[in-house]
PDB file of N, CA and C in Angstrom:
ATOM      1  N   MET A   1     214.696 219.525  73.772  1.00  0.00           N
ATOM      2  CA  MET A   1     215.382 220.538  72.994  1.00  0.00           C
ATOM      3  C   MET A   1     216.625 219.955  72.326  1.00  0.00           C
ATOM      4  N   LYS A   2     217.341 219.107  73.074  1.00  0.00           N
ATOM      5  CA  LYS A   2     218.566 218.534  72.545  1.00  0.00           C
ATOM      6  C   LYS A   2     218.260 217.572  71.397  1.00  0.00           C
ATOM      7  N   ARG A   3     217.143 216.873  71.495  1.00  0.00           N
ATOM      8  CA  ARG A   3     216.760 215.920  70.453  1.00  0.00           C
ATOM      9  C   ARG A   3     216.569 216.627  69.116  1.00  0.00           C
ATOM     10  N   LYS A   4     215.961 217.787  69.125  1.00  0.00           N
ATOM     11  CA  LYS A   4     215.754 218.528  67.881  1.00  0.00           C
ATOM     12  C   LYS A   4     217.076 218.941  67.259  1.00  0.00           C
ATOM     13  N   SER A   5     218.034 219.336  68.077  1.00  0.00           N
ATOM     14  CA  SER A   5     219.310 219.778  67.524  1.00  0.00           C
ATOM     15  C   SER A   5     220.063 218.595  66.912  1.00  0.00           C
ATOM     16  N   ILE A   6     219.971 217.426  67.527  1.00  0.00           N
ATOM     17  CA  ILE A   6     220.612 216.238  66.954  1.00  0.00           C
ATOM     18  C   ILE A   6     219.937 215.871  65.641  1.00  0.00           C
ATOM     19  N   ARG A   7     218.621 215.893  65.642  1.00  0.00           N
ATOM     20  CA  ARG A   7     217.871 215.562  64.428  1.00  0.00           C
ATOM     21  C   ARG A   7     218.185 216.557  63.320  1.00  0.00           C
ATOM     22  N   LYS A   8     218.260 217.829  63.695  1.00  0.00           N
ATOM     23  CA  LYS A   8     218.536 218.869  62.714  1.00  0.00           C
ATOM     24  C   LYS A   8     219.931 218.707  62.121  1.00  0.00           C
ATOM     25  N   SER A   9     220.913 218.400  62.957  1.00  0.00           N
ATOM     26  CA  SER A   9     222.273 218.221  62.446  1.00  0.00           C
ATOM     27  C   SER A   9     222.378 216.953  61.605  1.00  0.00           C
ATOM     28  N   ALA A  10     221.622 215.909  61.958  1.00  0.00           N
ATOM     29  CA  ALA A  10     221.640 214.680  61.157  1.00  0.00           C
ATOM     30  C   ALA A  10     221.055 214.942  59.772  1.00  0.00           C
ATOM     31  N   TRP A  11     219.952 215.681  59.719  1.00  0.00           N
ATOM     32  CA  TRP A  11     219.366 216.006  58.416  1.00  0.00           C
ATOM     33  C   TRP A  11     220.292 216.906  57.612  1.00  0.00           C
ATOM     34  N   GLY A  12     220.965 217.827  58.301  1.00  0.00           N
ATOM     35  CA  GLY A  12     221.920 218.691  57.612  1.00  0.00           C
ATOM     36  C   GLY A  12     223.048 217.887  56.979  1.00  0.00           C
ATOM     37  N   ALA A  13     223.560 216.898  57.726  1.00  0.00           N
ATOM     38  CA  ALA A  13     224.622 216.039  57.188  1.00  0.00           C
ATOM     39  C   ALA A  13     224.102 215.217  56.015  1.00  0.00           C
ATOM     40  N   TYR A  14     222.865 214.729  56.134  1.00  0.00           N
ATOM     41  CA  TYR A  14     222.271 213.938  55.051  1.00  0.00           C
ATOM     42  C   TYR A  14     222.182 214.764  53.767  1.00  0.00           C
ATOM     43  N   TRP A  15     221.665 215.981  53.869  1.00  0.00           N
ATOM     44  CA  TRP A  15     221.503 216.810  52.672  1.00  0.00           C
ATOM     45  C   TRP A  15     222.848 217.247  52.102  1.00  0.00           C
ATOM     46  N   LYS A  16     223.843 217.429  52.972  1.00  0.00           N
ATOM     47  CA  LYS A  16     225.178 217.778  52.498  1.00  0.00           C
ATOM     48  C   LYS A  16     225.755 216.627  51.669  1.00  0.00           C
ATOM     49  N   LEU A  17     225.616 215.395  52.175  1.00  0.00           N
ATOM     50  CA  LEU A  17     226.074 214.223  51.424  1.00  0.00           C
ATOM     51  C   LEU A  17     225.276 214.042  50.136  1.00  0.00           C
ATOM     52  N   HIS A  18     223.984 214.305  50.210  1.00  0.00           N
ATOM     53  CA  HIS A  18     223.120 214.171  49.033  1.00  0.00           C
ATOM     54  C   HIS A  18     223.552 215.141  47.934  1.00  0.00           C
ATOM     55  N   ASP A  19     223.819 216.387  48.315  1.00  0.00           N
ATOM     56  CA  ASP A  19     224.260 217.388  47.337  1.00  0.00           C
ATOM     57  C   ASP A  19     225.629 217.034  46.755  1.00  0.00           C
ATOM     58  N   CYS A  20     226.524 216.533  47.597  1.00  0.00           N
ATOM     59  CA  CYS A  20     227.850 216.128  47.129  1.00  0.00           C
ATOM     60  C   CYS A  20     227.722 214.980  46.124  1.00  0.00           C
ATOM     61  N   ARG A  21     226.844 214.039  46.410  1.00  0.00           N
ATOM     62  CA  ARG A  21     226.612 212.912  45.501  1.00  0.00           C
ATOM     63  C   ARG A  21     226.063 213.399  44.165  1.00  0.00           C
ATOM     64  N   LYS A  22     225.117 214.337  44.223  1.00  0.00           N
ATOM     65  CA  LYS A  22     224.547 214.877  42.985  1.00  0.00           C
ATOM     66  C   LYS A  22     225.608 215.580  42.148  1.00  0.00           C
ATOM     67  N   ARG A  23     226.482 216.340  42.806  1.00  0.00           N
ATOM     68  CA  ARG A  23     227.560 217.025  42.082  1.00  0.00           C
ATOM     69  C   ARG A  23     228.498 216.036  41.410  1.00  0.00           C
ATOM     70  N   LEU A  24     228.887 214.983  42.143  1.00  0.00           N
ATOM     71  CA  LEU A  24     229.788 213.977  41.579  1.00  0.00           C
ATOM     72  C   LEU A  24     229.143 213.254  40.400  1.00  0.00           C
ATOM     73  N   LEU A  25     227.858 212.908  40.531  1.00  0.00           N
ATOM     74  CA  LEU A  25     227.164 212.233  39.435  1.00  0.00           C
ATOM     75  C   LEU A  25     227.056 213.131  38.211  1.00  0.00           C
ATOM     76  N   LYS A  26     226.808 214.408  38.442  1.00  0.00           N
ATOM     77  CA  LYS A  26     226.711 215.360  37.331  1.00  0.00           C
ATOM     78  C   LYS A  26     228.047 215.479  36.608  1.00  0.00           C
ATOM     79  N   ARG A  27     229.136 215.564  37.381  1.00  0.00           N
ATOM     80  CA  ARG A  27     230.471 215.667  36.796  1.00  0.00           C
ATOM     81  C   ARG A  27     230.823 214.391  36.016  1.00  0.00           C
ATOM     82  N   LEU A  28     230.521 213.220  36.599  1.00  0.00           N
ATOM     83  CA  LEU A  28     230.803 211.947  35.932  1.00  0.00           C
ATOM     84  C   LEU A  28     229.974 211.793  34.669  1.00  0.00           C
ATOM     85  N   LYS A  29     228.696 212.165  34.746  1.00  0.00           N
ATOM     86  CA  LYS A  29     227.828 212.079  33.564  1.00  0.00           C
ATOM     87  C   LYS A  29     228.335 212.996  32.457  1.00  0.00           C
ATOM     88  N   GLY A  30     228.771 214.190  32.818  1.00  0.00           N
ATOM     89  CA  GLY A  30     229.332 215.103  31.826  1.00  0.00           C
ATOM     90  C   GLY A  30     230.574 214.534  31.168  1.00  0.00           C
ATOM     91  N   TYR A  31     231.433 213.899  31.967  1.00  0.00           N
ATOM     92  CA  TYR A  31     232.648 213.293  31.414  1.00  0.00           C
ATOM     93  C   TYR A  31     232.304 212.131  30.488  1.00  0.00           C
ATOM     94  N   LEU A  32     231.381 211.258  30.925  1.00  0.00           N
ATOM     95  CA  LEU A  32     231.039 210.083  30.119  1.00  0.00           C
ATOM     96  C   LEU A  32     230.264 210.451  28.862  1.00  0.00           C
ATOM     97  N   ASP A  33     229.465 211.507  28.922  1.00  0.00           N
ATOM     98  CA  ASP A  33     228.743 211.948  27.721  1.00  0.00           C
ATOM     99  C   ASP A  33     229.698 212.507  26.674  1.00  0.00           C
ATOM    100  N   GLY A  34     230.842 212.989  27.114  1.00  0.00           N
ATOM    101  CA  GLY A  34     231.823 213.539  26.188  1.00  0.00           C
ATOM    102  C   GLY A  34     232.656 212.477  25.478  1.00  0.00           C
ATOM    103  N   LEU A  35     232.567 211.226  25.921  1.00  0.00           N
ATOM    104  CA  LEU A  35     233.347 210.158  25.283  1.00  0.00           C
ATOM    105  C   LEU A  35     232.738 209.773  23.942  1.00  0.00           C
ATOM    106  N   PRO A  36     233.572 209.391  22.979  1.00  0.00           N
ATOM    107  CA  PRO A  36     233.035 208.923  21.701  1.00  0.00           C
ATOM    108  C   PRO A  36     232.350 207.559  21.875  1.00  0.00           C
ATOM    109  N   PRO A  37     231.390 207.237  20.993  1.00  0.00           N
ATOM    110  CA  PRO A  37     230.641 205.978  21.124  1.00  0.00           C
ATOM    111  C   PRO A  37     231.531 204.732  21.113  1.00  0.00           C
ATOM    112  N   LYS A  38     232.610 204.765  20.345  1.00  0.00           N
ATOM    113  CA  LYS A  38     233.492 203.601  20.274  1.00  0.00           C
ATOM    114  C   LYS A  38     234.151 203.333  21.634  1.00  0.00           C
ATOM    115  N   THR A  39     234.568 204.390  22.306  1.00  0.00           N
ATOM    116  CA  THR A  39     235.187 204.246  23.626  1.00  0.00           C
ATOM    117  C   THR A  39     234.166 203.770  24.650  1.00  0.00           C
ATOM    118  N   ARG A  40     232.951 204.309  24.581  1.00  0.00           N
ATOM    119  CA  ARG A  40     231.885 203.862  25.481  1.00  0.00           C
ATOM    120  C   ARG A  40     231.624 202.377  25.312  1.00  0.00           C
ATOM    121  N   ARG A  41     231.560 201.936  24.053  1.00  0.00           N
ATOM    122  CA  ARG A  41     231.309 200.528  23.761  1.00  0.00           C
ATOM    123  C   ARG A  41     232.417 199.661  24.352  1.00  0.00           C
ATOM    124  N   ARG A  42     233.659 200.092  24.223  1.00  0.00           N
ATOM    125  CA  ARG A  42     234.788 199.338  24.776  1.00  0.00           C
ATOM    126  C   ARG A  42     234.700 199.240  26.301  1.00  0.00           C
ATOM    127  N   ILE A  43     234.315 200.330  26.939  1.00  0.00           N
ATOM    128  CA  ILE A  43     234.188 200.323  28.400  1.00  0.00           C
ATOM    129  C   ILE A  43     233.097 199.354  28.836  1.00  0.00           C
ATOM    130  N   VAL A  44     231.952 199.401  28.154  1.00  0.00           N
ATOM    131  CA  VAL A  44     230.840 198.512  28.504  1.00  0.00           C
ATOM    132  C   VAL A  44     231.229 197.059  28.272  1.00  0.00           C
ATOM    133  N   LEU A  45     231.882 196.765  27.153  1.00  0.00           N
ATOM    134  CA  LEU A  45     232.299 195.390  26.872  1.00  0.00           C
ATOM    135  C   LEU A  45     233.347 194.906  27.875  1.00  0.00           C
ATOM    136  N   ALA A  46     234.241 195.777  28.291  1.00  0.00           N
ATOM    137  CA  ALA A  46     235.242 195.394  29.294  1.00  0.00           C
ATOM    138  C   ALA A  46     234.572 195.076  30.630  1.00  0.00           C
ATOM    139  N   MET A  47     233.595 195.904  31.032  1.00  0.00           N
ATOM    140  CA  MET A  47     232.883 195.637  32.282  1.00  0.00           C
ATOM    141  C   MET A  47     232.107 194.328  32.189  1.00  0.00           C
ATOM    142  N   PHE A  48     231.477 194.065  31.035  1.00  0.00           N
ATOM    143  CA  PHE A  48     230.751 192.813  30.850  1.00  0.00           C
ATOM    144  C   PHE A  48     231.702 191.621  30.896  1.00  0.00           C
ATOM    145  N   ALA A  49     232.884 191.744  30.291  1.00  0.00           N
ATOM    146  CA  ALA A  49     233.856 190.648  30.295  1.00  0.00           C
ATOM    147  C   ALA A  49     234.329 190.347  31.720  1.00  0.00           C
ATOM    148  N   ILE A  50     234.566 191.388  32.504  1.00  0.00           N
ATOM    149  CA  ILE A  50     234.976 191.187  33.899  1.00  0.00           C
ATOM    150  C   ILE A  50     233.867 190.491  34.678  1.00  0.00           C
ATOM    151  N   PHE A  51     232.626 190.937  34.492  1.00  0.00           N
ATOM    152  CA  PHE A  51     231.495 190.317  35.179  1.00  0.00           C
ATOM    153  C   PHE A  51     231.345 188.855  34.781  1.00  0.00           C
ATOM    154  N   ALA A  52     231.416 188.566  33.472  1.00  0.00           N
ATOM    155  CA  ALA A  52     231.257 187.189  32.999  1.00  0.00           C
ATOM    156  C   ALA A  52     232.368 186.297  33.536  1.00  0.00           C
ATOM    157  N   THR A  53     233.593 186.801  33.559  1.00  0.00           N
ATOM    158  CA  THR A  53     234.716 186.015  34.082  1.00  0.00           C
ATOM    159  C   THR A  53     234.514 185.682  35.557  1.00  0.00           C
ATOM    160  N   LEU A  54     234.122 186.674  36.341  1.00  0.00           N
ATOM    161  CA  LEU A  54     233.896 186.429  37.767  1.00  0.00           C
ATOM    162  C   LEU A  54     232.719 185.485  38.001  1.00  0.00           C
ATOM    163  N   ALA A  55     231.650 185.616  37.206  1.00  0.00           N
ATOM    164  CA  ALA A  55     230.497 184.730  37.357  1.00  0.00           C
ATOM    165  C   ALA A  55     230.874 183.291  37.017  1.00  0.00           C
ATOM    166  N   LEU A  56     231.610 183.101  35.926  1.00  0.00           N
ATOM    167  CA  LEU A  56     232.027 181.747  35.553  1.00  0.00           C
ATOM    168  C   LEU A  56     232.998 181.167  36.578  1.00  0.00           C
ATOM    169  N   HIS A  57     233.879 181.992  37.112  1.00  0.00           N
ATOM    170  CA  HIS A  57     234.800 181.516  38.142  1.00  0.00           C
ATOM    171  C   HIS A  57     234.034 181.058  39.377  1.00  0.00           C
ATOM    172  N   THR A  58     233.056 181.849  39.808  1.00  0.00           N
ATOM    173  CA  THR A  58     232.259 181.495  40.980  1.00  0.00           C
ATOM    174  C   THR A  58     231.503 180.196  40.746  1.00  0.00           C
ATOM    175  N   PHE A  59     230.877 180.067  39.577  1.00  0.00           N
ATOM    176  CA  PHE A  59     230.126 178.859  39.251  1.00  0.00           C
ATOM    177  C   PHE A  59     231.055 177.649  39.181  1.00  0.00           C
ATOM    178  N   GLY A  60     232.205 177.802  38.527  1.00  0.00           N
ATOM    179  CA  GLY A  60     233.151 176.699  38.409  1.00  0.00           C
ATOM    180  C   GLY A  60     233.685 176.252  39.758  1.00  0.00           C
ATOM    181  N   LYS A  61     233.978 177.198  40.635  1.00  0.00           N
ATOM    182  CA  LYS A  61     234.474 176.844  41.968  1.00  0.00           C
ATOM    183  C   LYS A  61     233.403 176.123  42.763  1.00  0.00           C
ATOM    184  N   ALA A  62     232.149 176.555  42.638  1.00  0.00           N
ATOM    185  CA  ALA A  62     231.060 175.890  43.357  1.00  0.00           C
ATOM    186  C   ALA A  62     230.884 174.459  42.861  1.00  0.00           C
ATOM    187  N   VAL A  63     230.952 174.251  41.550  1.00  0.00           N
ATOM    188  CA  VAL A  63     230.811 172.902  40.998  1.00  0.00           C
ATOM    189  C   VAL A  63     232.003 172.044  41.413  1.00  0.00           C
ATOM    190  N   HIS A  64     233.186 172.611  41.404  1.00  0.00           N
ATOM    191  CA  HIS A  64     234.391 171.868  41.782  1.00  0.00           C
ATOM    192  C   HIS A  64     234.341 171.431  43.243  1.00  0.00           C
ATOM    193  N   ASP A  65     233.778 172.270  44.104  1.00  0.00           N
ATOM    194  CA  ASP A  65     233.760 171.975  45.537  1.00  0.00           C
ATOM    195  C   ASP A  65     232.621 171.059  45.955  1.00  0.00           C
ATOM    196  N   ILE A  66     231.736 170.669  45.032  1.00  0.00           N
ATOM    197  CA  ILE A  66     230.647 169.755  45.388  1.00  0.00           C
ATOM    198  C   ILE A  66     231.256 168.405  45.738  1.00  0.00           C
ATOM    199  N   GLY A  67     230.868 167.865  46.853  1.00  0.00           N
ATOM    200  CA  GLY A  67     231.344 166.555  47.261  1.00  0.00           C
ATOM    201  C   GLY A  67     232.691 166.558  47.947  1.00  0.00           C
ATOM    202  N   ARG A  68     233.328 167.677  48.012  1.00  0.00           N
ATOM    203  CA  ARG A  68     234.601 167.775  48.703  1.00  0.00           C
ATOM    204  C   ARG A  68     234.354 167.834  50.194  1.00  0.00           C
ATOM    205  N   SER A  69     234.971 166.955  50.932  1.00  0.00           N
ATOM    206  CA  SER A  69     234.660 166.912  52.360  1.00  0.00           C
ATOM    207  C   SER A  69     235.679 167.660  53.205  1.00  0.00           C
ATOM    208  N   ASP A  70     236.904 167.793  52.746  1.00  0.00           N
ATOM    209  CA  ASP A  70     237.967 168.457  53.503  1.00  0.00           C
ATOM    210  C   ASP A  70     238.137 167.851  54.894  1.00  0.00           C
ATOM    211  N   GLY A  71     237.844 166.563  55.020  1.00  0.00           N
ATOM    212  CA  GLY A  71     238.026 165.879  56.296  1.00  0.00           C
ATOM    213  C   GLY A  71     236.910 166.103  57.290  1.00  0.00           C
ATOM    214  N   ARG A  72     235.917 166.838  56.944  1.00  0.00           N
ATOM    215  CA  ARG A  72     234.807 167.088  57.860  1.00  0.00           C
ATOM    216  C   ARG A  72     233.642 166.180  57.494  1.00  0.00           C
ATOM    217  N   GLN A  73     233.058 165.572  58.467  1.00  0.00           N
ATOM    218  CA  GLN A  73     231.883 164.743  58.256  1.00  0.00           C
ATOM    219  C   GLN A  73     230.704 165.384  58.976  1.00  0.00           C
ATOM    220  N   MET A  74     229.568 165.317  58.340  1.00  0.00           N
ATOM    221  CA  MET A  74     228.369 165.864  58.941  1.00  0.00           C
ATOM    222  C   MET A  74     227.831 164.869  59.964  1.00  0.00           C
ATOM    223  N   ARG A  75     227.513 165.342  61.126  1.00  0.00           N
ATOM    224  CA  ARG A  75     226.999 164.473  62.174  1.00  0.00           C
ATOM    225  C   ARG A  75     225.492 164.362  62.010  1.00  0.00           C
ATOM    226  N   ILE A  76     225.023 163.120  61.897  1.00  0.00           N
ATOM    227  CA  ILE A  76     223.593 162.885  61.699  1.00  0.00           C
ATOM    228  C   ILE A  76     223.009 162.405  63.015  1.00  0.00           C
ATOM    229  N   ASP A  77     222.010 163.091  63.488  1.00  0.00           N
ATOM    230  CA  ASP A  77     221.307 162.723  64.716  1.00  0.00           C
ATOM    231  C   ASP A  77     219.840 162.530  64.402  1.00  0.00           C
ATOM    232  N   HIS A  78     219.217 161.639  65.155  1.00  0.00           N
ATOM    233  CA  HIS A  78     217.783 161.440  64.987  1.00  0.00           C
ATOM    234  C   HIS A  78     217.043 162.392  65.914  1.00  0.00           C
ATOM    235  N   ALA A  79     215.895 162.826  65.471  1.00  0.00           N
ATOM    236  CA  ALA A  79     215.131 163.808  66.232  1.00  0.00           C
ATOM    237  C   ALA A  79     214.555 163.211  67.505  1.00  0.00           C
ATOM    238  N   GLY A  80     214.323 161.911  67.523  1.00  0.00           N
ATOM    239  CA  GLY A  80     213.719 161.296  68.697  1.00  0.00           C
ATOM    240  C   GLY A  80     212.211 161.469  68.649  1.00  0.00           C
ATOM    241  N   GLN A  81     211.588 161.176  69.752  1.00  0.00           N
ATOM    242  CA  GLN A  81     210.132 161.277  69.798  1.00  0.00           C
ATOM    243  C   GLN A  81     209.726 162.728  70.041  1.00  0.00           C
ATOM    244  N   VAL A  82     208.822 163.188  69.222  1.00  0.00           N
ATOM    245  CA  VAL A  82     208.348 164.559  69.334  1.00  0.00           C
ATOM    246  C   VAL A  82     207.086 164.568  70.174  1.00  0.00           C
ATOM    247  N   GLU A  83     207.062 165.428  71.172  1.00  0.00           N
ATOM    248  CA  GLU A  83     205.881 165.517  72.024  1.00  0.00           C
ATOM    249  C   GLU A  83     204.944 166.571  71.457  1.00  0.00           C
ATOM    250  N   LEU A  84     203.727 166.141  71.160  1.00  0.00           N
ATOM    251  CA  LEU A  84     202.728 167.049  70.613  1.00  0.00           C
ATOM    252  C   LEU A  84     201.763 167.452  71.705  1.00  0.00           C
ATOM    253  N   SER A  85     201.370 168.691  71.689  1.00  0.00           N
ATOM    254  CA  SER A  85     200.393 169.133  72.676  1.00  0.00           C
ATOM    255  C   SER A  85     199.005 168.707  72.216  1.00  0.00           C
ATOM    256  N   VAL A  86     198.208 168.191  73.149  1.00  0.00           N
ATOM    257  CA  VAL A  86     196.865 167.713  72.834  1.00  0.00           C
ATOM    258  C   VAL A  86     195.874 168.704  73.407  1.00  0.00           C
ATOM    259  N   LYS A  87     194.976 169.172  72.554  1.00  0.00           N
ATOM    260  CA  LYS A  87     193.967 170.115  73.009  1.00  0.00           C
ATOM    261  C   LYS A  87     192.795 169.336  73.611  1.00  0.00           C
ATOM    262  N   PRO A  88     192.122 169.906  74.591  1.00  0.00           N
ATOM    263  CA  PRO A  88     190.973 169.208  75.183  1.00  0.00           C
ATOM    264  C   PRO A  88     189.844 169.064  74.162  1.00  0.00           C
ATOM    265  N   ASP A  89     189.085 167.954  74.294  1.00  0.00           N
ATOM    266  CA  ASP A  89     187.999 167.666  73.354  1.00  0.00           C
ATOM    267  C   ASP A  89     186.801 168.578  73.560  1.00  0.00           C
ATOM    268  N   LYS A  90     186.529 168.945  74.780  1.00  0.00           N
ATOM    269  CA  LYS A  90     185.344 169.745  75.079  1.00  0.00           C
ATOM    270  C   LYS A  90     185.678 171.229  75.020  1.00  0.00           C
ATOM    271  N   ASN A  91     184.944 171.920  74.181  1.00  0.00           N
ATOM    272  CA  ASN A  91     185.088 173.362  74.099  1.00  0.00           C
ATOM    273  C   ASN A  91     183.683 173.927  73.981  1.00  0.00           C
ATOM    274  N   ASN A  92     183.251 174.633  74.990  1.00  0.00           N
ATOM    275  CA  ASN A  92     181.873 175.113  75.037  1.00  0.00           C
ATOM    276  C   ASN A  92     181.575 176.175  73.987  1.00  0.00           C
ATOM    277  N   SER A  93     182.571 176.899  73.529  1.00  0.00           N
ATOM    278  CA  SER A  93     182.310 177.975  72.583  1.00  0.00           C
ATOM    279  C   SER A  93     182.393 177.503  71.135  1.00  0.00           C
ATOM    280  N   PHE A  94     182.731 176.240  70.909  1.00  0.00           N
ATOM    281  CA  PHE A  94     182.872 175.736  69.545  1.00  0.00           C
ATOM    282  C   PHE A  94     182.213 174.373  69.441  1.00  0.00           C
ATOM    283  N   THR A  95     181.235 174.245  68.577  1.00  0.00           N
ATOM    284  CA  THR A  95     180.583 172.964  68.333  1.00  0.00           C
ATOM    285  C   THR A  95     180.822 172.595  66.884  1.00  0.00           C
ATOM    286  N   PRO A  96     181.517 171.485  66.642  1.00  0.00           N
ATOM    287  CA  PRO A  96     181.790 171.105  65.255  1.00  0.00           C
ATOM    288  C   PRO A  96     180.516 170.826  64.474  1.00  0.00           C
ATOM    289  N   TYR A  97     180.566 171.058  63.190  1.00  0.00           N
ATOM    290  CA  TYR A  97     179.428 170.875  62.298  1.00  0.00           C
ATOM    291  C   TYR A  97     178.926 169.442  62.329  1.00  0.00           C
ATOM    292  N   TYR A  98     179.845 168.473  62.347  1.00  0.00           N
ATOM    293  CA  TYR A  98     179.421 167.080  62.289  1.00  0.00           C
ATOM    294  C   TYR A  98     178.746 166.633  63.577  1.00  0.00           C
ATOM    295  N   ASN A  99     178.997 167.290  64.711  1.00  0.00           N
ATOM    296  CA  ASN A  99     178.306 166.952  65.950  1.00  0.00           C
ATOM    297  C   ASN A  99     176.894 167.523  65.958  1.00  0.00           C
ATOM    298  N   MET A 100     176.670 168.623  65.276  1.00  0.00           N
ATOM    299  CA  MET A 100     175.354 169.249  65.279  1.00  0.00           C
ATOM    300  C   MET A 100     174.377 168.498  64.385  1.00  0.00           C
ATOM    301  N   TYR A 101     174.806 168.055  63.216  1.00  0.00           N
ATOM    302  CA  TYR A 101     173.888 167.499  62.242  1.00  0.00           C
ATOM    303  C   TYR A 101     174.120 166.026  61.955  1.00  0.00           C
ATOM    304  N   GLY A 102     175.073 165.407  62.600  1.00  0.00           N
ATOM    305  CA  GLY A 102     175.337 163.992  62.370  1.00  0.00           C
ATOM    306  C   GLY A 102     176.252 163.792  61.178  1.00  0.00           C
ATOM    307  N   THR A 103     176.676 162.562  60.981  1.00  0.00           N
ATOM    308  CA  THR A 103     177.603 162.255  59.898  1.00  0.00           C
ATOM    309  C   THR A 103     176.943 161.463  58.792  1.00  0.00           C
ATOM    310  N   ASP A 104     175.637 161.346  58.791  1.00  0.00           N
ATOM    311  CA  ASP A 104     174.917 160.568  57.757  1.00  0.00           C
ATOM    312  C   ASP A 104     174.964 161.230  56.421  1.00  0.00           C
TER     313      ASP A 104
END
């Protein structure tokens, strides 16, 4: 019985948040639709300029940091000998094709 009440309250909270989100989106869409095209274009270009600046900064920093060691050296170890499991040769439920008909 308690599980249903928790589930019911969780769904109630979900739908309340969903409705609030829809209201906010509707209000924002109404505000943005009321803007003149020139202002919309400026907003879009400003957002694109911010994105391009951040992307170029990230790329430039990554290229700049290539080869920089900061005093840290990578420790190289050899794997050593790897032990492989060997399956038995005889398997009564499986007969290879080449054993049945020869290799000629």
